[in-house]
């Protein structure tokens, strides 16, 4: 019974690693590209990420 729980725990941990590690690598690549060239939109394999700033946060009225 205990061996079965350990095996399930081992599989779940491996699945989490498979999901989380690529996300962390992707984030580091985007951060590095932003630091190297801050005026260009960073991308990975042609997929660009955008931050959309709405007027809700007050940026619209500050620059008026």
Protein backbone atom coordinates (compact mmCIF):
# COMPACT_ATOMS: atom_id res chain seq x y z
CA UNK A 1 0.00 0.00 0.00
CA UNK A 2 2.78 2.46 0.88
CA UNK A 3 4.73 1.61 -2.25
CA UNK A 4 1.72 2.46 -4.44
CA UNK A 5 1.38 5.90 -2.78
CA UNK A 6 5.07 6.59 -3.29
CA UNK A 7 4.81 5.66 -6.96
CA UNK A 8 1.79 7.95 -7.47
CA UNK A 9 3.58 10.79 -5.65
CA UNK A 10 6.66 10.28 -7.85
CA UNK A 11 4.56 10.43 -11.04
CA UNK A 12 2.71 13.59 -9.90
CA UNK A 13 5.95 15.36 -9.07
CA UNK A 14 7.41 14.49 -12.48
CA UNK A 15 4.27 15.75 -14.26
CA UNK A 16 4.48 19.03 -12.33
CA UNK A 17 8.14 19.42 -13.30
CA UNK A 18 7.29 18.79 -16.94
CA UNK A 19 4.67 21.57 -16.79
CA UNK A 20 6.47 24.16 -14.64
CA UNK A 21 10.04 24.04 -15.99
CA UNK A 22 9.16 25.11 -19.58
CA UNK A 23 7.06 27.99 -18.21
CA UNK A 24 9.99 29.23 -16.12
CA UNK A 25 12.37 28.95 -19.08
CA UNK A 26 9.88 30.86 -21.27
CA UNK A 27 9.68 33.64 -18.66
CA UNK A 28 13.47 33.92 -18.40
CA UNK A 29 13.77 34.16 -22.19
CA UNK A 30 11.22 36.99 -22.28
CA UNK A 31 12.96 38.84 -19.46
CA UNK A 32 16.35 38.49 -21.15
CA UNK A 33 15.02 39.76 -24.48
CA UNK A 34 13.40 42.73 -22.76
CA UNK A 35 16.65 43.61 -21.00
CA UNK A 36 18.69 43.32 -24.21
CA UNK A 37 16.33 45.36 -26.38
CA UNK A 38 13.71 47.22 -24.30
CA UNK A 39 12.04 48.92 -27.30
CA UNK A 40 11.20 45.71 -29.14
CA UNK A 41 8.40 43.33 -28.21
CA UNK A 42 9.94 40.09 -26.90
CA UNK A 43 8.94 36.84 -28.58
CA UNK A 44 9.64 33.14 -28.41
CA UNK A 45 9.21 31.13 -31.62
CA UNK A 46 7.35 34.07 -33.15
CA UNK A 47 4.79 34.27 -30.34
CA UNK A 48 4.75 37.80 -28.93
CA UNK A 49 3.41 38.74 -25.54
CA UNK A 50 1.68 42.05 -25.03
CA UNK A 51 0.72 44.00 -21.96
CA UNK A 52 -2.49 45.89 -22.44
CA UNK A 53 -2.82 48.91 -20.19
CA UNK A 54 -6.32 50.23 -19.85
CA UNK A 55 -7.48 53.66 -18.77
CA UNK A 56 -8.81 52.07 -15.63
CA UNK A 57 -5.42 52.36 -13.93
CA UNK A 58 -5.10 56.09 -14.46
CA UNK A 59 -2.49 56.18 -17.23
CA UNK A 60 -4.93 57.92 -19.61
CA UNK A 61 -5.41 60.96 -17.40
CA UNK A 62 -1.75 61.36 -16.44
CA UNK A 63 -0.61 61.96 -20.02
CA UNK A 64 -3.46 64.21 -21.08
